[in-house]
Amino acid sequence: MSGFYRYAQADPDHVAVVDPDGTEHHAGDLLARANRWVHALRKVGLGQGDTVAAVLPNGVAPVEVYLAALQAGFHYVPINYRLAPAEVAYILADSEAKAFVSHERFAEVASAAAEEAGIPAEARFAHGAVPGFRSAEDALAEQPDSLPDDRAAGAAMHYTSGTTGKPKGVKRSLSPFGADDTAELFTGFFGLFGIPHREDQVHLCTSPNYHTAVTTFAGNALHAGHTVVFMDKWDPEETLAKIERYRVTHTHMVP
């Protein structure tokens, strides 16, 4: 079965994501977390066509929000964690984000940006302690892990770096084909490179998750049933070690 949501239900024990610290996340558990995110975000008012933004480190955390958005009809906006608070606030406002997810690693930037952009307190979620944010774990624990009703295809929406002006995002029309069928369509991307679905394929993610190419390669790898191994940041020796340890079959790197 193609598309993350279908194969996660058919093969819940498959290792879908490996965090930078080596923690493994199975497809069934990851789907349950994505489902909880849909319920939590809907509870604070998000509906089809609305935006959820995130400033998160590499690993399973951004994947959960991405998978939630793509089955609930949301736009998912990953934001560069190296930006200043005012720059993050601009993207939050410009994308019309109705919810914001961040991490204690970026507490100072996230807190200031959320205040400046006017994100409602109940729609701010944090992994760890971020002033003015709710605990993501507490919010998710309140929600069921069942597949949400009224599922619809969502999309990632990336912003430019803003080196020649304000950052610009491209909000594309959402797919009319439904969450599962759209997820299956994403798997065609790897056909361009002769990379098959499943078959013990492993993708190594060496760059920050907020980049368009990273979301494309890692996201489509998940939909194709591949295992995605994340690095926290680029390091040549660690790259080689992970390739050897996880028997990586494909990756995407900056020349």
Protein backbone atom coordinates (compact mmCIF):
# COMPACT_ATOMS: atom_id res chain seq x y z
CA MET A 1 0.00 0.00 0.00
CA SER A 2 1.25 3.47 -0.88
CA GLY A 3 0.87 6.66 1.10
CA PHE A 4 1.83 6.92 4.75
CA TYR A 5 -1.68 6.69 6.21
CA ARG A 6 -2.55 3.47 4.41
CA TYR A 7 0.70 1.63 5.01
CA ALA A 8 0.88 2.77 8.66
CA GLN A 9 -2.43 1.02 9.27
CA ALA A 10 -1.39 -2.08 7.32
CA ASP A 11 2.15 -2.29 8.80
CA PRO A 12 2.14 -0.39 12.11
CA ASP A 13 5.41 -1.96 13.32
CA HIS A 14 7.48 -0.57 10.47
CA VAL A 15 10.17 1.87 11.67
CA ALA A 16 9.14 5.12 9.98
CA VAL A 17 11.40 7.69 11.67
CA VAL A 18 14.71 7.58 13.53
CA ASP A 19 15.47 10.69 15.61
CA PRO A 20 18.97 12.22 15.71
CA ASP A 21 19.52 10.57 19.10
CA GLY A 22 18.63 7.15 17.69
CA THR A 23 15.06 6.91 19.06
CA GLU A 24 12.93 4.86 16.67
CA HIS A 25 9.28 5.64 15.92
CA HIS A 26 7.00 3.02 14.41
CA ALA A 27 4.51 3.92 11.70
CA GLY A 28 1.46 3.02 13.79
CA ASP A 29 2.58 5.19 16.69
CA LEU A 30 3.45 8.06 14.36
CA LEU A 31 0.02 7.90 12.74
CA ALA A 32 -1.61 7.94 16.18
CA ARG A 33 0.36 11.09 17.08
CA ALA A 34 -0.59 12.74 13.78
CA ASN A 35 -4.23 11.91 14.46
CA ARG A 36 -3.99 13.49 17.91
CA TRP A 37 -2.54 16.62 16.36
CA VAL A 38 -5.50 16.89 13.99
CA HIS A 39 -7.95 16.65 16.89
CA ALA A 40 -5.94 19.13 18.98
CA LEU A 41 -5.67 21.68 16.17
CA ARG A 42 -9.33 21.39 15.28
CA LYS A 43 -10.17 21.96 18.93
CA VAL A 44 -8.50 25.39 18.81
CA GLY A 45 -10.40 26.31 15.67
CA LEU A 46 -8.45 25.15 12.64
CA GLY A 47 -10.45 24.03 9.65
CA GLN A 48 -9.72 23.06 6.07
CA GLY A 49 -7.58 25.68 4.38
CA ASP A 50 -6.19 27.09 7.63
CA THR A 51 -2.49 27.26 8.50
CA VAL A 52 -0.39 25.71 11.26
CA ALA A 53 3.20 26.95 11.52
CA ALA A 54 6.15 25.38 13.27
CA VAL A 55 9.66 26.22 14.47
CA LEU A 56 11.05 22.79 15.33
CA PRO A 57 14.35 20.89 15.30
CA ASN A 58 14.92 17.91 13.04
CA GLY A 59 13.27 14.69 14.11
CA VAL A 60 9.81 13.28 14.62
CA ALA A 61 8.22 16.49 15.98
CA PRO A 62 7.87 18.32 12.64
CA VAL A 63 6.90 15.06 10.92
CA GLU A 64 3.90 14.68 13.24
CA VAL A 65 2.59 18.16 12.39
CA TYR A 66 3.28 17.66 8.69
CA LEU A 67 1.35 14.37 8.62
CA ALA A 68 -1.49 15.93 10.59
CA ALA A 69 -1.79 18.86 8.20
CA LEU A 70 -1.70 16.66 5.11
CA GLN A 71 -4.66 14.60 6.24
CA ALA A 72 -6.77 17.47 7.67
CA GLY A 73 -6.66 19.96 4.81
CA PHE A 74 -4.30 22.36 6.60
CA HIS A 75 -1.39 24.32 5.21
CA TYR A 76 1.81 23.42 7.08
CA VAL A 77 4.42 26.18 7.29
CA PRO A 78 7.86 25.14 8.63
CA ILE A 79 9.84 28.23 9.65
CA ASN A 80 13.60 28.73 9.74
CA TYR A 81 14.69 28.52 13.38
CA ARG A 82 17.66 30.78 12.63
CA LEU A 83 15.43 33.80 11.99
CA ALA A 84 15.00 36.68 14.43
CA PRO A 85 11.71 36.96 16.38
CA ALA A 86 10.40 39.76 14.15
CA GLU A 87 11.12 37.69 11.04
CA VAL A 88 9.31 34.67 12.44
CA ALA A 89 6.41 36.91 13.49
CA TYR A 90 6.17 38.28 9.95
CA ILE A 91 5.79 34.78 8.51
CA LEU A 92 3.25 33.82 11.16
CA ALA A 93 1.15 36.85 10.26
CA ASP A 94 1.65 36.65 6.50
CA SER A 95 0.70 32.95 6.39
CA GLU A 96 -2.33 33.69 8.58
CA ALA A 97 -1.25 30.96 10.96
CA LYS A 98 -3.95 30.01 13.44
CA ALA A 99 -1.67 27.73 15.47
CA PHE A 100 2.04 27.65 16.22
CA VAL A 101 4.14 24.68 17.36
CA SER A 102 7.67 25.11 18.71
CA HIS A 103 10.35 23.66 21.00
CA GLU A 104 12.12 24.82 24.13
CA ARG A 105 15.35 24.92 22.15
CA PHE A 106 13.95 27.99 20.41
CA ALA A 107 11.98 29.35 23.37
CA GLU A 108 13.17 32.95 23.22
CA VAL A 109 12.49 33.38 19.51
CA ALA A 110 9.19 31.47 19.54
CA SER A 111 7.77 33.28 22.55
CA ALA A 112 8.57 36.75 21.23
CA ALA A 113 7.33 35.93 17.72
CA ALA A 114 4.04 34.48 18.95
CA GLU A 115 3.38 37.61 21.00
CA GLU A 116 4.18 39.95 18.13
CA ALA A 117 2.05 37.97 15.67
CA GLY A 118 -0.87 37.73 18.12
CA ILE A 119 -1.17 33.94 18.09
CA PRO A 120 -3.84 33.04 20.71
CA ALA A 121 -2.39 31.45 23.85
CA GLU A 122 -4.53 28.32 23.46
CA ALA A 123 -3.16 27.82 19.93
CA ARG A 124 0.53 27.83 20.95
CA PHE A 125 2.01 24.39 21.56
CA ALA A 126 5.51 23.62 22.82
CA HIS A 127 7.72 20.59 23.27
CA GLY A 128 9.30 21.47 26.59
CA ALA A 129 8.96 24.81 28.36
CA VAL A 130 8.31 27.92 26.25
CA PRO A 131 6.86 31.03 27.98
CA GLY A 132 3.27 31.62 26.92
CA PHE A 133 2.92 28.19 25.26
CA ARG A 134 0.87 25.15 26.23
CA SER A 135 2.51 21.77 26.67
CA ALA A 136 2.18 19.87 23.41
CA GLU A 137 2.25 16.57 25.29
CA ASP A 138 -0.58 17.63 27.60
CA ALA A 139 -2.68 18.87 24.69
CA LEU A 140 -2.16 15.66 22.71
CA ALA A 141 -2.89 13.46 25.74
CA GLU A 142 -6.39 14.98 25.88
CA GLN A 143 -7.18 13.84 22.34
CA PRO A 144 -8.05 10.41 20.86
CA ASP A 145 -5.61 8.70 18.53
CA SER A 146 -8.36 7.59 16.16
CA LEU A 147 -8.31 8.55 12.49
CA PRO A 148 -10.15 11.90 12.22
CA ASP A 149 -13.40 12.36 10.36
CA ASP A 150 -13.72 14.60 7.30
CA ARG A 151 -10.16 13.99 6.18
CA ALA A 152 -8.86 16.10 3.29
CA ALA A 153 -5.54 16.66 1.59
CA GLY A 154 -3.37 19.44 2.98
CA ALA A 155 -0.06 20.84 1.78
CA ALA A 156 3.28 22.19 2.92
CA MET A 157 3.84 25.90 2.30
CA HIS A 158 7.42 27.18 2.39
CA TYR A 159 8.77 30.69 2.59
CA THR A 160 11.79 32.12 0.79
CA SER A 161 14.76 33.33 2.84
CA GLY A 162 13.83 36.97 2.33
CA THR A 163 17.34 38.03 1.29
CA THR A 164 15.94 40.51 -1.27
CA GLY A 165 12.95 41.68 0.75
CA LYS A 166 10.28 40.13 2.90
CA PRO A 167 10.02 36.32 2.80
CA LYS A 168 7.42 35.10 0.35
CA GLY A 169 5.26 32.01 0.57
CA VAL A 170 3.40 30.25 -2.21
CA LYS A 171 -0.01 28.97 -1.12
CA ARG A 172 -1.08 26.42 -3.67
CA SER A 173 -4.62 25.14 -4.09
CA LEU A 174 -5.19 21.97 -2.10
CA SER A 175 -5.58 18.64 -3.87
CA PRO A 176 -9.16 17.52 -4.52
CA PHE A 177 -8.24 13.82 -4.42
CA GLY A 178 -8.45 13.19 -0.67
CA ALA A 179 -5.75 12.62 1.92
CA ASP A 180 -4.94 8.98 1.11
CA ASP A 181 -4.90 9.28 -2.66
CA THR A 182 -2.86 12.48 -2.54
CA ALA A 183 -0.34 10.81 -0.23
CA GLU A 184 -0.04 7.99 -2.77
CA LEU A 185 0.56 10.50 -5.56
CA PHE A 186 3.54 11.87 -3.61
CA THR A 187 5.27 8.52 -3.94
CA GLY A 188 5.65 9.02 -7.69
CA PHE A 189 8.44 11.51 -6.94
CA PHE A 190 10.96 8.76 -6.26
CA GLY A 191 10.07 7.04 -9.50
CA LEU A 192 12.00 9.85 -11.21
CA PHE A 193 15.15 8.41 -9.65
CA GLY A 194 14.31 4.73 -9.99
CA ILE A 195 13.82 4.37 -6.22
CA PRO A 196 11.13 1.77 -5.37
CA HIS A 197 8.43 1.84 -2.72
CA ARG A 198 9.14 -0.03 0.51
CA GLU A 199 11.81 -2.73 -0.12
CA ASP A 200 13.80 -1.69 2.97
CA GLN A 201 14.61 1.74 1.52
CA VAL A 202 16.16 4.19 4.00
CA HIS A 203 16.42 7.96 3.52
CA LEU A 204 18.98 10.04 5.40
CA CYS A 205 17.97 13.64 6.15
CA THR A 206 21.07 15.78 6.66
CA SER A 207 19.60 19.30 6.44
CA PRO A 208 17.13 21.43 8.47
CA ASN A 209 13.48 20.41 8.08
CA TYR A 210 12.32 23.91 7.14
CA HIS A 211 13.88 23.68 3.66
CA THR A 212 11.55 22.87 0.77
CA ALA A 213 13.73 20.06 -0.57
CA VAL A 214 13.99 18.44 2.86
CA THR A 215 10.22 18.36 3.31
CA THR A 216 9.86 17.02 -0.22
CA PHE A 217 12.42 14.22 0.06
CA ALA A 218 11.71 13.20 3.67
CA GLY A 219 7.93 13.56 3.33
CA ASN A 220 7.75 11.60 0.11
CA ALA A 221 10.05 8.95 1.58
CA LEU A 222 7.55 8.48 4.41
CA HIS A 223 4.69 8.17 1.93
CA ALA A 224 6.68 5.60 -0.04
CA GLY A 225 7.12 3.48 3.08
CA HIS A 226 10.80 4.25 3.54
CA THR A 227 12.49 4.77 6.91
CA VAL A 228 13.64 8.37 7.41
CA VAL A 229 16.77 8.86 9.53
CA PHE A 230 17.27 12.42 10.79
CA MET A 231 20.48 14.21 11.67
CA ASP A 232 20.37 17.26 13.93
CA LYS A 233 22.85 19.10 11.73
CA TRP A 234 25.41 18.34 9.06
CA ASP A 235 28.48 16.48 10.16
CA PRO A 236 30.61 14.42 7.72
CA GLU A 237 31.65 11.70 10.16
CA GLU A 238 28.17 11.31 11.60
CA THR A 239 26.76 11.11 8.07
CA LEU A 240 29.04 8.22 7.20
CA ALA A 241 28.32 6.52 10.54
CA LYS A 242 24.55 6.71 9.99
CA ILE A 243 24.85 5.48 6.42
CA GLU A 244 26.68 2.44 7.71
CA ARG A 245 24.51 1.83 10.78
CA TYR A 246 21.11 2.19 9.11
CA ARG A 247 22.15 0.90 5.66
CA VAL A 248 20.98 4.12 4.04
CA THR A 249 19.92 3.71 0.42
CA HIS A 250 19.35 7.34 -0.61
CA THR A 251 19.79 10.88 0.65
CA HIS A 252 19.66 14.50 -0.46
CA MET A 253 22.58 16.86 0.14
CA VAL A 254 23.70 20.34 -0.85
CA PRO A 255 26.69 20.10 -3.25
